[in-house]
Amino acid sequence: MQNANMAAALGVNPPRVYAVTFGIGAAPVGTRGRGAGAGCPAYFRPFGVAYVAKSFITVIGGGAAILSGTISASALFGAINQIATFVTTPVFGEVALLAAAIVLIRLLPQASPAAFFRRGL
């Protein structure tokens, strides 16, 4: 992935590696998508839907720092959500989480929360 020309020079077929990697990654998604289809009972369909948006916001808010960014973004967003939920209602907690994500991504598009923890801010 980082140097396809070098891998090809060493005898690896990069397009085939990309295709196999995509297939391995897409297989669980495809089986889950099939489970949420029309043939699936209605009580299985919403499984995990509530966590998709939070997961996406956390990964995007974490930035390029894969582990430290995701951990720090999840701690930040989780604290905001829980504090707002404790002080008001669960609906407002979700709204506060979304507002915090929008502010973080809008104000710091190139940075991640992990950068602040590394700098000590």
PDB file of N, CA and C in Angstrom:
ATOM      1  N   MET A   1       0.818  -1.185   0.000  1.00  0.00           N
ATOM      2  CA  MET A   1       0.000   0.000   0.000  1.00  0.00           C
ATOM      3  C   MET A   1       0.867   1.255   0.000  1.00  0.00           C
ATOM      4  N   GLN A   2       1.986   1.204   0.681  1.00  0.00           N
ATOM      5  CA  GLN A   2       2.840   2.382   0.750  1.00  0.00           C
ATOM      6  C   GLN A   2       3.730   2.512  -0.475  1.00  0.00           C
ATOM      7  N   ASN A   3       4.134   1.394  -1.061  1.00  0.00           N
ATOM      8  CA  ASN A   3       4.989   1.455  -2.242  1.00  0.00           C
ATOM      9  C   ASN A   3       4.647   0.269  -3.146  1.00  0.00           C
ATOM     10  N   ALA A   4       3.618   0.464  -3.951  1.00  0.00           N
ATOM     11  CA  ALA A   4       3.136  -0.613  -4.815  1.00  0.00           C
ATOM     12  C   ALA A   4       4.173  -1.000  -5.870  1.00  0.00           C
ATOM     13  N   ASN A   5       4.950  -0.029  -6.341  1.00  0.00           N
ATOM     14  CA  ASN A   5       5.964  -0.339  -7.353  1.00  0.00           C
ATOM     15  C   ASN A   5       7.046  -1.265  -6.801  1.00  0.00           C
ATOM     16  N   MET A   6       7.465  -1.017  -5.569  1.00  0.00           N
ATOM     17  CA  MET A   6       8.484  -1.869  -4.958  1.00  0.00           C
ATOM     18  C   MET A   6       7.933  -3.269  -4.712  1.00  0.00           C
ATOM     19  N   ALA A   7       6.690  -3.345  -4.246  1.00  0.00           N
ATOM     20  CA  ALA A   7       6.087  -4.658  -4.033  1.00  0.00           C
ATOM     21  C   ALA A   7       5.965  -5.421  -5.345  1.00  0.00           C
ATOM     22  N   ALA A   8       5.598  -4.712  -6.421  1.00  0.00           N
ATOM     23  CA  ALA A   8       5.506  -5.366  -7.728  1.00  0.00           C
ATOM     24  C   ALA A   8       6.867  -5.837  -8.200  1.00  0.00           C
ATOM     25  N   ALA A   9       7.907  -5.059  -7.914  1.00  0.00           N
ATOM     26  CA  ALA A   9       9.262  -5.462  -8.297  1.00  0.00           C
ATOM     27  C   ALA A   9       9.715  -6.701  -7.534  1.00  0.00           C
ATOM     28  N   LEU A  10       9.188  -6.904  -6.348  1.00  0.00           N
ATOM     29  CA  LEU A  10       9.543  -8.071  -5.546  1.00  0.00           C
ATOM     30  C   LEU A  10       8.657  -9.278  -5.841  1.00  0.00           C
ATOM     31  N   GLY A  11       7.736  -9.141  -6.807  1.00  0.00           N
ATOM     32  CA  GLY A  11       6.934 -10.284  -7.220  1.00  0.00           C
ATOM     33  C   GLY A  11       5.533 -10.324  -6.640  1.00  0.00           C
ATOM     34  N   VAL A  12       5.118  -9.317  -5.918  1.00  0.00           N
ATOM     35  CA  VAL A  12       3.767  -9.272  -5.356  1.00  0.00           C
ATOM     36  C   VAL A  12       2.858  -8.588  -6.370  1.00  0.00           C
ATOM     37  N   ASN A  13       1.660  -9.085  -6.519  1.00  0.00           N
ATOM     38  CA  ASN A  13       0.682  -8.503  -7.430  1.00  0.00           C
ATOM     39  C   ASN A  13      -0.207  -7.535  -6.644  1.00  0.00           C
ATOM     40  N   PRO A  14       0.090  -6.216  -6.637  1.00  0.00           N
ATOM     41  CA  PRO A  14      -0.686  -5.265  -5.827  1.00  0.00           C
ATOM     42  C   PRO A  14      -2.181  -5.240  -6.121  1.00  0.00           C
ATOM     43  N   PRO A  15      -2.637  -5.267  -7.387  1.00  0.00           N
ATOM     44  CA  PRO A  15      -4.091  -5.274  -7.592  1.00  0.00           C
ATOM     45  C   PRO A  15      -4.780  -6.484  -6.962  1.00  0.00           C
ATOM     46  N   ARG A  16      -4.096  -7.620  -6.997  1.00  0.00           N
ATOM     47  CA  ARG A  16      -4.683  -8.815  -6.373  1.00  0.00           C
ATOM     48  C   ARG A  16      -4.726  -8.669  -4.851  1.00  0.00           C
ATOM     49  N   VAL A  17      -3.675  -8.109  -4.261  1.00  0.00           N
ATOM     50  CA  VAL A  17      -3.650  -7.887  -2.807  1.00  0.00           C
ATOM     51  C   VAL A  17      -4.766  -6.927  -2.409  1.00  0.00           C
ATOM     52  N   TYR A  18      -4.956  -5.856  -3.204  1.00  0.00           N
ATOM     53  CA  TYR A  18      -6.035  -4.907  -2.909  1.00  0.00           C
ATOM     54  C   TYR A  18      -7.398  -5.585  -2.988  1.00  0.00           C
ATOM     55  N   ALA A  19      -7.598  -6.417  -3.996  1.00  0.00           N
ATOM     56  CA  ALA A  19      -8.882  -7.086  -4.175  1.00  0.00           C
ATOM     57  C   ALA A  19      -9.162  -8.064  -3.035  1.00  0.00           C
ATOM     58  N   VAL A  20      -8.154  -8.838  -2.653  1.00  0.00           N
ATOM     59  CA  VAL A  20      -8.339  -9.800  -1.559  1.00  0.00           C
ATOM     60  C   VAL A  20      -8.586  -9.071  -0.234  1.00  0.00           C
ATOM     61  N   THR A  21      -7.832  -8.016   0.001  1.00  0.00           N
ATOM     62  CA  THR A  21      -8.024  -7.244   1.236  1.00  0.00           C
ATOM     63  C   THR A  21      -9.422  -6.638   1.283  1.00  0.00           C
ATOM     64  N   PHE A  22      -9.878  -6.085   0.165  1.00  0.00           N
ATOM     65  CA  PHE A  22     -11.228  -5.533   0.112  1.00  0.00           C
ATOM     66  C   PHE A  22     -12.264  -6.621   0.358  1.00  0.00           C
ATOM     67  N   GLY A  23     -12.075  -7.777  -0.242  1.00  0.00           N
ATOM     68  CA  GLY A  23     -13.015  -8.876  -0.052  1.00  0.00           C
ATOM     69  C   GLY A  23     -13.088  -9.335   1.393  1.00  0.00           C
ATOM     70  N   ILE A  24     -11.933  -9.445   2.035  1.00  0.00           N
ATOM     71  CA  ILE A  24     -11.914  -9.857   3.448  1.00  0.00           C
ATOM     72  C   ILE A  24     -12.591  -8.807   4.321  1.00  0.00           C
ATOM     73  N   GLY A  25     -12.378  -7.543   4.014  1.00  0.00           N
ATOM     74  CA  GLY A  25     -13.002  -6.480   4.803  1.00  0.00           C
ATOM     75  C   GLY A  25     -14.488  -6.335   4.531  1.00  0.00           C
ATOM     76  N   ALA A  26     -14.907  -6.582   3.299  1.00  0.00           N
ATOM     77  CA  ALA A  26     -16.308  -6.396   2.933  1.00  0.00           C
ATOM     78  C   ALA A  26     -17.185  -7.589   3.294  1.00  0.00           C
ATOM     79  N   ALA A  27     -16.602  -8.750   3.501  1.00  0.00           N
ATOM     80  CA  ALA A  27     -17.404  -9.944   3.794  1.00  0.00           C
ATOM     81  C   ALA A  27     -18.242  -9.794   5.065  1.00  0.00           C
ATOM     82  N   PRO A  28     -17.671  -9.343   6.194  1.00  0.00           N
ATOM     83  CA  PRO A  28     -18.514  -9.183   7.380  1.00  0.00           C
ATOM     84  C   PRO A  28     -19.604  -8.125   7.194  1.00  0.00           C
ATOM     85  N   VAL A  29     -19.296  -7.076   6.456  1.00  0.00           N
ATOM     86  CA  VAL A  29     -20.281  -6.029   6.209  1.00  0.00           C
ATOM     87  C   VAL A  29     -21.420  -6.577   5.350  1.00  0.00           C
ATOM     88  N   GLY A  30     -21.075  -7.368   4.368  1.00  0.00           N
ATOM     89  CA  GLY A  30     -22.094  -7.950   3.507  1.00  0.00           C
ATOM     90  C   GLY A  30     -22.998  -8.918   4.248  1.00  0.00           C
ATOM     91  N   THR A  31     -22.425  -9.718   5.120  1.00  0.00           N
ATOM     92  CA  THR A  31     -23.269 -10.648   5.882  1.00  0.00           C
ATOM     93  C   THR A  31     -24.172  -9.885   6.842  1.00  0.00           C
ATOM     94  N   ARG A  32     -23.679  -8.799   7.418  1.00  0.00           N
ATOM     95  CA  ARG A  32     -24.508  -7.994   8.314  1.00  0.00           C
ATOM     96  C   ARG A  32     -25.595  -7.277   7.525  1.00  0.00           C
ATOM     97  N   GLY A  33     -25.267  -6.793   6.341  1.00  0.00           N
ATOM     98  CA  GLY A  33     -26.261  -6.144   5.503  1.00  0.00           C
ATOM     99  C   GLY A  33     -27.356  -7.102   5.083  1.00  0.00           C
ATOM    100  N   ARG A  34     -26.994  -8.346   4.838  1.00  0.00           N
ATOM    101  CA  ARG A  34     -27.985  -9.352   4.504  1.00  0.00           C
ATOM    102  C   ARG A  34     -28.894  -9.606   5.692  1.00  0.00           C
ATOM    103  N   GLY A  35     -28.325  -9.594   6.893  1.00  0.00           N
ATOM    104  CA  GLY A  35     -29.130  -9.825   8.088  1.00  0.00           C
ATOM    105  C   GLY A  35     -30.114  -8.711   8.359  1.00  0.00           C
ATOM    106  N   ALA A  36     -29.820  -7.501   7.865  1.00  0.00           N
ATOM    107  CA  ALA A  36     -30.724  -6.375   8.082  1.00  0.00           C
ATOM    108  C   ALA A  36     -31.715  -6.225   6.938  1.00  0.00           C
ATOM    109  N   GLY A  37     -31.720  -7.172   6.013  1.00  0.00           N
ATOM    110  CA  GLY A  37     -32.572  -7.072   4.831  1.00  0.00           C
ATOM    111  C   GLY A  37     -34.014  -7.448   5.107  1.00  0.00           C
ATOM    112  N   ALA A  38     -34.761  -7.582   4.004  1.00  0.00           N
ATOM    113  CA  ALA A  38     -36.201  -7.816   4.099  1.00  0.00           C
ATOM    114  C   ALA A  38     -36.541  -9.186   4.680  1.00  0.00           C
ATOM    115  N   GLY A  39     -35.680 -10.183   4.506  1.00  0.00           N
ATOM    116  CA  GLY A  39     -35.982 -11.511   5.015  1.00  0.00           C
ATOM    117  C   GLY A  39     -35.704 -11.673   6.496  1.00  0.00           C
ATOM    118  N   CYS A  40     -35.135 -10.667   7.111  1.00  0.00           N
ATOM    119  CA  CYS A  40     -34.765 -10.728   8.525  1.00  0.00           C
ATOM    120  C   CYS A  40     -35.920 -10.228   9.385  1.00  0.00           C
ATOM    121  N   PRO A  41     -36.173 -10.845  10.528  1.00  0.00           N
ATOM    122  CA  PRO A  41     -37.237 -10.341  11.408  1.00  0.00           C
ATOM    123  C   PRO A  41     -36.968  -8.895  11.825  1.00  0.00           C
ATOM    124  N   ALA A  42     -38.038  -8.168  12.065  1.00  0.00           N
ATOM    125  CA  ALA A  42     -37.947  -6.729  12.338  1.00  0.00           C
ATOM    126  C   ALA A  42     -37.157  -6.426  13.604  1.00  0.00           C
ATOM    127  N   TYR A  43     -37.150  -7.312  14.578  1.00  0.00           N
ATOM    128  CA  TYR A  43     -36.449  -7.012  15.819  1.00  0.00           C
ATOM    129  C   TYR A  43     -34.941  -7.129  15.691  1.00  0.00           C
ATOM    130  N   PHE A  44     -34.421  -7.691  14.592  1.00  0.00           N
ATOM    131  CA  PHE A  44     -32.974  -7.744  14.374  1.00  0.00           C
ATOM    132  C   PHE A  44     -32.460  -6.545  13.575  1.00  0.00           C
ATOM    133  N   ARG A  45     -33.302  -5.857  12.849  1.00  0.00           N
ATOM    134  CA  ARG A  45     -32.864  -4.794  11.949  1.00  0.00           C
ATOM    135  C   ARG A  45     -32.175  -3.627  12.646  1.00  0.00           C
ATOM    136  N   PRO A  46     -32.693  -3.097  13.748  1.00  0.00           N
ATOM    137  CA  PRO A  46     -32.033  -1.907  14.317  1.00  0.00           C
ATOM    138  C   PRO A  46     -30.798  -2.221  15.157  1.00  0.00           C
ATOM    139  N   PHE A  47     -30.322  -3.456  15.139  1.00  0.00           N
ATOM    140  CA  PHE A  47     -29.187  -3.848  15.951  1.00  0.00           C
ATOM    141  C   PHE A  47     -27.951  -3.021  15.606  1.00  0.00           C
ATOM    142  N   GLY A  48     -27.474  -2.246  16.544  1.00  0.00           N
ATOM    143  CA  GLY A  48     -26.254  -1.483  16.356  1.00  0.00           C
ATOM    144  C   GLY A  48     -26.410  -0.139  15.671  1.00  0.00           C
ATOM    145  N   VAL A  49     -27.607   0.211  15.245  1.00  0.00           N
ATOM    146  CA  VAL A  49     -27.798   1.461  14.518  1.00  0.00           C
ATOM    147  C   VAL A  49     -27.476   2.659  15.402  1.00  0.00           C
ATOM    148  N   ALA A  50     -27.760   2.577  16.676  1.00  0.00           N
ATOM    149  CA  ALA A  50     -27.516   3.700  17.576  1.00  0.00           C
ATOM    150  C   ALA A  50     -26.028   3.990  17.735  1.00  0.00           C
ATOM    151  N   TYR A  51     -25.182   3.005  17.487  1.00  0.00           N
ATOM    152  CA  TYR A  51     -23.750   3.186  17.692  1.00  0.00           C
ATOM    153  C   TYR A  51     -22.999   3.605  16.426  1.00  0.00           C
ATOM    154  N   VAL A  52     -23.633   3.528  15.291  1.00  0.00           N
ATOM    155  CA  VAL A  52     -22.943   3.825  14.039  1.00  0.00           C
ATOM    156  C   VAL A  52     -22.520   5.286  13.983  1.00  0.00           C
ATOM    157  N   ALA A  53     -23.426   6.197  14.282  1.00  0.00           N
ATOM    158  CA  ALA A  53     -23.103   7.627  14.219  1.00  0.00           C
ATOM    159  C   ALA A  53     -22.046   7.995  15.249  1.00  0.00           C
ATOM    160  N   LYS A  54     -22.166   7.455  16.459  1.00  0.00           N
ATOM    161  CA  LYS A  54     -21.162   7.749  17.495  1.00  0.00           C
ATOM    162  C   LYS A  54     -19.794   7.209  17.100  1.00  0.00           C
ATOM    163  N   SER A  55     -19.748   6.041  16.529  1.00  0.00           N
ATOM    164  CA  SER A  55     -18.474   5.477  16.087  1.00  0.00           C
ATOM    165  C   SER A  55     -17.853   6.305  14.979  1.00  0.00           C
ATOM    166  N   PHE A  56     -18.670   6.727  14.036  1.00  0.00           N
ATOM    167  CA  PHE A  56     -18.175   7.538  12.933  1.00  0.00           C
ATOM    168  C   PHE A  56     -17.638   8.876  13.439  1.00  0.00           C
ATOM    169  N   ILE A  57     -18.385   9.518  14.330  1.00  0.00           N
ATOM    170  CA  ILE A  57     -17.949  10.794  14.889  1.00  0.00           C
ATOM    171  C   ILE A  57     -16.644  10.623  15.658  1.00  0.00           C
ATOM    172  N   THR A  58     -16.519   9.554  16.397  1.00  0.00           N
ATOM    173  CA  THR A  58     -15.307   9.322  17.179  1.00  0.00           C
ATOM    174  C   THR A  58     -14.099   9.101  16.278  1.00  0.00           C
ATOM    175  N   VAL A  59     -14.263   8.312  15.231  1.00  0.00           N
ATOM    176  CA  VAL A  59     -13.141   8.044  14.331  1.00  0.00           C
ATOM    177  C   VAL A  59     -12.736   9.309  13.576  1.00  0.00           C
ATOM    178  N   ILE A  60     -13.706  10.069  13.098  1.00  0.00           N
ATOM    179  CA  ILE A  60     -13.403  11.304  12.386  1.00  0.00           C
ATOM    180  C   ILE A  60     -12.783  12.318  13.344  1.00  0.00           C
ATOM    181  N   GLY A  61     -13.311  12.418  14.544  1.00  0.00           N
ATOM    182  CA  GLY A  61     -12.763  13.356  15.534  1.00  0.00           C
ATOM    183  C   GLY A  61     -11.375  12.963  15.999  1.00  0.00           C
ATOM    184  N   GLY A  62     -11.054  11.680  15.946  1.00  0.00           N
ATOM    185  CA  GLY A  62      -9.741  11.210  16.363  1.00  0.00           C
ATOM    186  C   GLY A  62      -8.625  11.602  15.424  1.00  0.00           C
ATOM    187  N   GLY A  63      -8.945  11.842  14.174  1.00  0.00           N
ATOM    188  CA  GLY A  63      -7.947  12.295  13.211  1.00  0.00           C
ATOM    189  C   GLY A  63      -7.036  11.172  12.756  1.00  0.00           C
ATOM    190  N   ALA A  64      -5.837  11.564  12.345  1.00  0.00           N
ATOM    191  CA  ALA A  64      -4.897  10.621  11.752  1.00  0.00           C
ATOM    192  C   ALA A  64      -4.199   9.742  12.786  1.00  0.00           C
ATOM    193  N   ALA A  65      -4.184  10.154  14.037  1.00  0.00           N
ATOM    194  CA  ALA A  65      -3.565   9.342  15.086  1.00  0.00           C
ATOM    195  C   ALA A  65      -4.502   8.177  15.384  1.00  0.00           C
ATOM    196  N   ILE A  66      -4.175   7.014  14.878  1.00  0.00           N
ATOM    197  CA  ILE A  66      -5.110   5.894  14.873  1.00  0.00           C
ATOM    198  C   ILE A  66      -5.533   5.494  16.281  1.00  0.00           C
ATOM    199  N   LEU A  67      -4.605   5.164  17.131  1.00  0.00           N
ATOM    200  CA  LEU A  67      -4.963   4.679  18.455  1.00  0.00           C
ATOM    201  C   LEU A  67      -5.156   5.816  19.447  1.00  0.00           C
ATOM    202  N   SER A  68      -4.175   6.685  19.564  1.00  0.00           N
ATOM    203  CA  SER A  68      -4.286   7.757  20.560  1.00  0.00           C
ATOM    204  C   SER A  68      -5.386   8.741  20.197  1.00  0.00           C
ATOM    205  N   GLY A  69      -5.592   9.011  18.922  1.00  0.00           N
ATOM    206  CA  GLY A  69      -6.645   9.922  18.509  1.00  0.00           C
ATOM    207  C   GLY A  69      -8.025   9.369  18.797  1.00  0.00           C
ATOM    208  N   THR A  70      -8.232   8.097  18.497  1.00  0.00           N
ATOM    209  CA  THR A  70      -9.531   7.483  18.746  1.00  0.00           C
ATOM    210  C   THR A  70      -9.815   7.384  20.233  1.00  0.00           C
ATOM    211  N   ILE A  71      -8.813   7.031  21.020  1.00  0.00           N
ATOM    212  CA  ILE A  71      -9.013   6.922  22.464  1.00  0.00           C
ATOM    213  C   ILE A  71      -9.317   8.286  23.070  1.00  0.00           C
ATOM    214  N   SER A  72      -8.547   9.305  22.682  1.00  0.00           N
ATOM    215  CA  SER A  72      -8.785  10.624  23.259  1.00  0.00           C
ATOM    216  C   SER A  72     -10.099  11.219  22.774  1.00  0.00           C
ATOM    217  N   ALA A  73     -10.462  11.000  21.509  1.00  0.00           N
ATOM    218  CA  ALA A  73     -11.744  11.499  21.011  1.00  0.00           C
ATOM    219  C   ALA A  73     -12.900  10.794  21.704  1.00  0.00           C
ATOM    220  N   SER A  74     -12.772   9.490  21.930  1.00  0.00           N
ATOM    221  CA  SER A  74     -13.852   8.779  22.615  1.00  0.00           C
ATOM    222  C   SER A  74     -13.981   9.231  24.063  1.00  0.00           C
ATOM    223  N   ALA A  75     -12.855   9.517  24.710  1.00  0.00           N
ATOM    224  CA  ALA A  75     -12.921  10.026  26.085  1.00  0.00           C
ATOM    225  C   ALA A  75     -13.568  11.403  26.124  1.00  0.00           C
ATOM    226  N   LEU A  76     -13.186  12.262  25.194  1.00  0.00           N
ATOM    227  CA  LEU A  76     -13.756  13.607  25.138  1.00  0.00           C
ATOM    228  C   LEU A  76     -15.248  13.566  24.839  1.00  0.00           C
ATOM    229  N   PHE A  77     -15.628  12.867  23.794  1.00  0.00           N
ATOM    230  CA  PHE A  77     -17.040  12.813  23.410  1.00  0.00           C
ATOM    231  C   PHE A  77     -17.877  12.057  24.443  1.00  0.00           C
ATOM    232  N   GLY A  78     -17.309  11.009  25.017  1.00  0.00           N
ATOM    233  CA  GLY A  78     -18.035  10.281  26.055  1.00  0.00           C
ATOM    234  C   GLY A  78     -18.274  11.127  27.290  1.00  0.00           C
ATOM    235  N   ALA A  79     -17.268  11.897  27.691  1.00  0.00           N
ATOM    236  CA  ALA A  79     -17.432  12.769  28.859  1.00  0.00           C
ATOM    237  C   ALA A  79     -18.480  13.843  28.589  1.00  0.00           C
ATOM    238  N   ILE A  80     -18.429  14.443  27.417  1.00  0.00           N
ATOM    239  CA  ILE A  80     -19.418  15.474  27.075  1.00  0.00           C
ATOM    240  C   ILE A  80     -20.824  14.880  27.059  1.00  0.00           C
ATOM    241  N   ASN A  81     -20.974  13.718  26.453  1.00  0.00           N
ATOM    242  CA  ASN A  81     -22.280  13.069  26.380  1.00  0.00           C
ATOM    243  C   ASN A  81     -22.803  12.726  27.772  1.00  0.00           C
ATOM    244  N   GLN A  82     -21.965  12.146  28.617  1.00  0.00           N
ATOM    245  CA  GLN A  82     -22.427  11.724  29.928  1.00  0.00           C
ATOM    246  C   GLN A  82     -22.716  12.901  30.855  1.00  0.00           C
ATOM    247  N   ILE A  83     -21.887  13.935  30.791  1.00  0.00           N
ATOM    248  CA  ILE A  83     -22.131  15.106  31.636  1.00  0.00           C
ATOM    249  C   ILE A  83     -23.426  15.795  31.221  1.00  0.00           C
ATOM    250  N   ALA A  84     -23.612  15.984  29.914  1.00  0.00           N
ATOM    251  CA  ALA A  84     -24.845  16.624  29.439  1.00  0.00           C
ATOM    252  C   ALA A  84     -26.064  15.766  29.751  1.00  0.00           C
ATOM    253  N   THR A  85     -25.936  14.457  29.649  1.00  0.00           N
ATOM    254  CA  THR A  85     -27.040  13.565  29.978  1.00  0.00           C
ATOM    255  C   THR A  85     -27.352  13.615  31.465  1.00  0.00           C
ATOM    256  N   PHE A  86     -26.328  13.668  32.298  1.00  0.00           N
ATOM    257  CA  PHE A  86     -26.534  13.714  33.742  1.00  0.00           C
ATOM    258  C   PHE A  86     -27.200  15.021  34.167  1.00  0.00           C
ATOM    259  N   VAL A  87     -26.763  16.123  33.562  1.00  0.00           N
ATOM    260  CA  VAL A  87     -27.289  17.431  33.945  1.00  0.00           C
ATOM    261  C   VAL A  87     -28.699  17.647  33.393  1.00  0.00           C
ATOM    262  N   THR A  88     -28.967  17.184  32.180  1.00  0.00           N
ATOM    263  CA  THR A  88     -30.273  17.424  31.557  1.00  0.00           C
ATOM    264  C   THR A  88     -30.960  16.104  31.237  1.00  0.00           C
ATOM    265  N   THR A  89     -31.152  15.838  29.956  1.00  0.00           N
ATOM    266  CA  THR A  89     -31.831  14.610  29.518  1.00  0.00           C
ATOM    267  C   THR A  89     -30.945  13.859  28.529  1.00  0.00           C
ATOM    268  N   PRO A  90     -31.226  12.580  28.274  1.00  0.00           N
ATOM    269  CA  PRO A  90     -30.434  11.833  27.301  1.00  0.00           C
ATOM    270  C   PRO A  90     -30.482  12.419  25.894  1.00  0.00           C
ATOM    271  N   VAL A  91     -31.590  12.995  25.522  1.00  0.00           N
ATOM    272  CA  VAL A  91     -31.685  13.597  24.187  1.00  0.00           C
ATOM    273  C   VAL A  91     -30.726  14.785  24.087  1.00  0.00           C
ATOM    274  N   PHE A  92     -30.696  15.621  25.114  1.00  0.00           N
ATOM    275  CA  PHE A  92     -29.771  16.748  25.096  1.00  0.00           C
ATOM    276  C   PHE A  92     -28.321  16.271  25.144  1.00  0.00           C
ATOM    277  N   GLY A  93     -28.064  15.136  25.789  1.00  0.00           N
ATOM    278  CA  GLY A  93     -26.717  14.574  25.787  1.00  0.00           C
ATOM    279  C   GLY A  93     -26.250  14.220  24.393  1.00  0.00           C
ATOM    280  N   GLU A  94     -27.149  13.656  23.583  1.00  0.00           N
ATOM    281  CA  GLU A  94     -26.815  13.337  22.199  1.00  0.00           C
ATOM    282  C   GLU A  94     -26.605  14.607  21.382  1.00  0.00           C
ATOM    283  N   VAL A  95     -27.431  15.617  21.636  1.00  0.00           N
ATOM    284  CA  VAL A  95     -27.278  16.896  20.933  1.00  0.00           C
ATOM    285  C   VAL A  95     -25.947  17.538  21.298  1.00  0.00           C
ATOM    286  N   ALA A  96     -25.577  17.499  22.575  1.00  0.00           N
ATOM    287  CA  ALA A  96     -24.295  18.064  23.010  1.00  0.00           C
ATOM    288  C   ALA A  96     -23.122  17.318  22.376  1.00  0.00           C
ATOM    289  N   LEU A  97     -23.244  16.003  22.244  1.00  0.00           N
ATOM    290  CA  LEU A  97     -22.207  15.209  21.579  1.00  0.00           C
ATOM    291  C   LEU A  97     -22.042  15.638  20.128  1.00  0.00           C
ATOM    292  N   LEU A  98     -23.153  15.784  19.423  1.00  0.00           N
ATOM    293  CA  LEU A  98     -23.090  16.211  18.031  1.00  0.00           C
ATOM    294  C   LEU A  98     -22.526  17.621  17.911  1.00  0.00           C
ATOM    295  N   ALA A  99     -22.949  18.514  18.791  1.00  0.00           N
ATOM    296  CA  ALA A  99     -22.441  19.893  18.755  1.00  0.00           C
ATOM    297  C   ALA A  99     -20.934  19.919  19.024  1.00  0.00           C
ATOM    298  N   ALA A 100     -20.483  19.124  19.991  1.00  0.00           N
ATOM    299  CA  ALA A 100     -19.048  19.071  20.288  1.00  0.00           C
ATOM    300  C   ALA A 100     -18.263  18.525  19.099  1.00  0.00           C
ATOM    301  N   ALA A 101     -18.812  17.528  18.427  1.00  0.00           N
ATOM    302  CA  ALA A 101     -18.132  16.966  17.250  1.00  0.00           C
ATOM    303  C   ALA A 101     -18.059  17.995  16.134  1.00  0.00           C
ATOM    304  N   ILE A 102     -19.130  18.724  15.919  1.00  0.00           N
ATOM    305  CA  ILE A 102     -19.124  19.748  14.873  1.00  0.00           C
ATOM    306  C   ILE A 102     -18.110  20.837  15.194  1.00  0.00           C
ATOM    307  N   VAL A 103     -18.084  21.281  16.440  1.00  0.00           N
ATOM    308  CA  VAL A 103     -17.134  22.323  16.842  1.00  0.00           C
ATOM    309  C   VAL A 103     -15.702  21.818  16.700  1.00  0.00           C
ATOM    310  N   LEU A 104     -15.436  20.600  17.147  1.00  0.00           N
ATOM    311  CA  LEU A 104     -14.081  20.049  17.057  1.00  0.00           C
ATOM    312  C   LEU A 104     -13.628  19.926  15.609  1.00  0.00           C
ATOM    313  N   ILE A 105     -14.479  19.388  14.762  1.00  0.00           N
ATOM    314  CA  ILE A 105     -14.096  19.179  13.369  1.00  0.00           C
ATOM    315  C   ILE A 105     -14.013  20.512  12.620  1.00  0.00           C
ATOM    316  N   ARG A 106     -14.870  21.454  12.972  1.00  0.00           N
ATOM    317  CA  ARG A 106     -14.859  22.756  12.286  1.00  0.00           C
ATOM    318  C   ARG A 106     -13.664  23.607  12.716  1.00  0.00           C
ATOM    319  N   LEU A 107     -13.375  23.628  14.007  1.00  0.00           N
ATOM    320  CA  LEU A 107     -12.287  24.462  14.508  1.00  0.00           C
ATOM    321  C   LEU A 107     -10.917  23.832  14.298  1.00  0.00           C
ATOM    322  N   LEU A 108     -10.842  22.522  14.347  1.00  0.00           N
ATOM    323  CA  LEU A 108      -9.556  21.829  14.248  1.00  0.00           C
ATOM    324  C   LEU A 108      -9.602  20.754  13.164  1.00  0.00           C
ATOM    325  N   PRO A 109      -9.735  21.130  11.898  1.00  0.00           N
ATOM    326  CA  PRO A 109      -9.884  20.096  10.865  1.00  0.00           C
ATOM    327  C   PRO A 109      -8.631  19.249  10.662  1.00  0.00           C
ATOM    328  N   GLN A 110      -7.449  19.791  10.944  1.00  0.00           N
ATOM    329  CA  GLN A 110      -6.213  19.044  10.736  1.00  0.00           C
ATOM    330  C   GLN A 110      -5.681  18.420  12.014  1.00  0.00           C
ATOM    331  N   ALA A 111      -6.221  18.794  13.144  1.00  0.00           N
ATOM    332  CA  ALA A 111      -5.703  18.307  14.424  1.00  0.00           C
ATOM    333  C   ALA A 111      -6.635  17.254  14.996  1.00  0.00           C
ATOM    334  N   SER A 112      -6.147  16.555  15.969  1.00  0.00           N
ATOM    335  CA  SER A 112      -6.957  15.594  16.683  1.00  0.00           C
ATOM    336  C   SER A 112      -6.805  15.870  18.172  1.00  0.00           C
ATOM    337  N   PRO A 113      -7.708  15.366  18.984  1.00  0.00           N
ATOM    338  CA  PRO A 113      -7.559  15.552  20.425  1.00  0.00           C
ATOM    339  C   PRO A 113      -6.253  14.978  20.958  1.00  0.00           C
ATOM    340  N   ALA A 114      -5.724  13.961  20.295  1.00  0.00           N
ATOM    341  CA  ALA A 114      -4.472  13.359  20.749  1.00  0.00           C
ATOM    342  C   ALA A 114      -3.323  14.360  20.674  1.00  0.00           C
ATOM    343  N   ALA A 115      -3.374  15.269  19.710  1.00  0.00           N
ATOM    344  CA  ALA A 115      -2.317  16.270  19.586  1.00  0.00           C
ATOM    345  C   ALA A 115      -2.275  17.174  20.803  1.00  0.00           C
ATOM    346  N   PHE A 116      -3.431  17.476  21.366  1.00  0.00           N
ATOM    347  CA  PHE A 116      -3.473  18.325  22.549  1.00  0.00           C
ATOM    348  C   PHE A 116      -2.924  17.605  23.769  1.00  0.00           C
ATOM    349  N   PHE A 117      -3.207  16.314  23.864  1.00  0.00           N
ATOM    350  CA  PHE A 117      -2.686  15.557  25.003  1.00  0.00           C
ATOM    351  C   PHE A 117      -1.175  15.394  24.911  1.00  0.00           C
ATOM    352  N   ARG A 118      -0.639  15.288  23.699  1.00  0.00           N
ATOM    353  CA  ARG A 118       0.802  15.183  23.526  1.00  0.00           C
ATOM    354  C   ARG A 118       1.505  16.490  23.844  1.00  0.00           C
ATOM    355  N   ARG A 119       0.882  17.611  23.504  1.00  0.00           N
ATOM    356  CA  ARG A 119       1.482  18.908  23.758  1.00  0.00           C
ATOM    357  C   ARG A 119       1.264  19.385  25.187  1.00  0.00           C
ATOM    358  N   GLY A 120       0.340  18.781  25.887  1.00  0.00           N
ATOM    359  CA  GLY A 120       0.080  19.173  27.273  1.00  0.00           C
ATOM    360  C   GLY A 120      -0.847  20.358  27.400  1.00  0.00           C
ATOM    361  N   LEU A 121      -1.658  20.637  26.343  1.00  0.00           N
ATOM    362  CA  LEU A 121      -2.607  21.753  26.410  1.00  0.00           C
ATOM    363  C   LEU A 121      -3.879  21.333  27.084  1.00  0.00           C
TER     364      LEU A 121
END
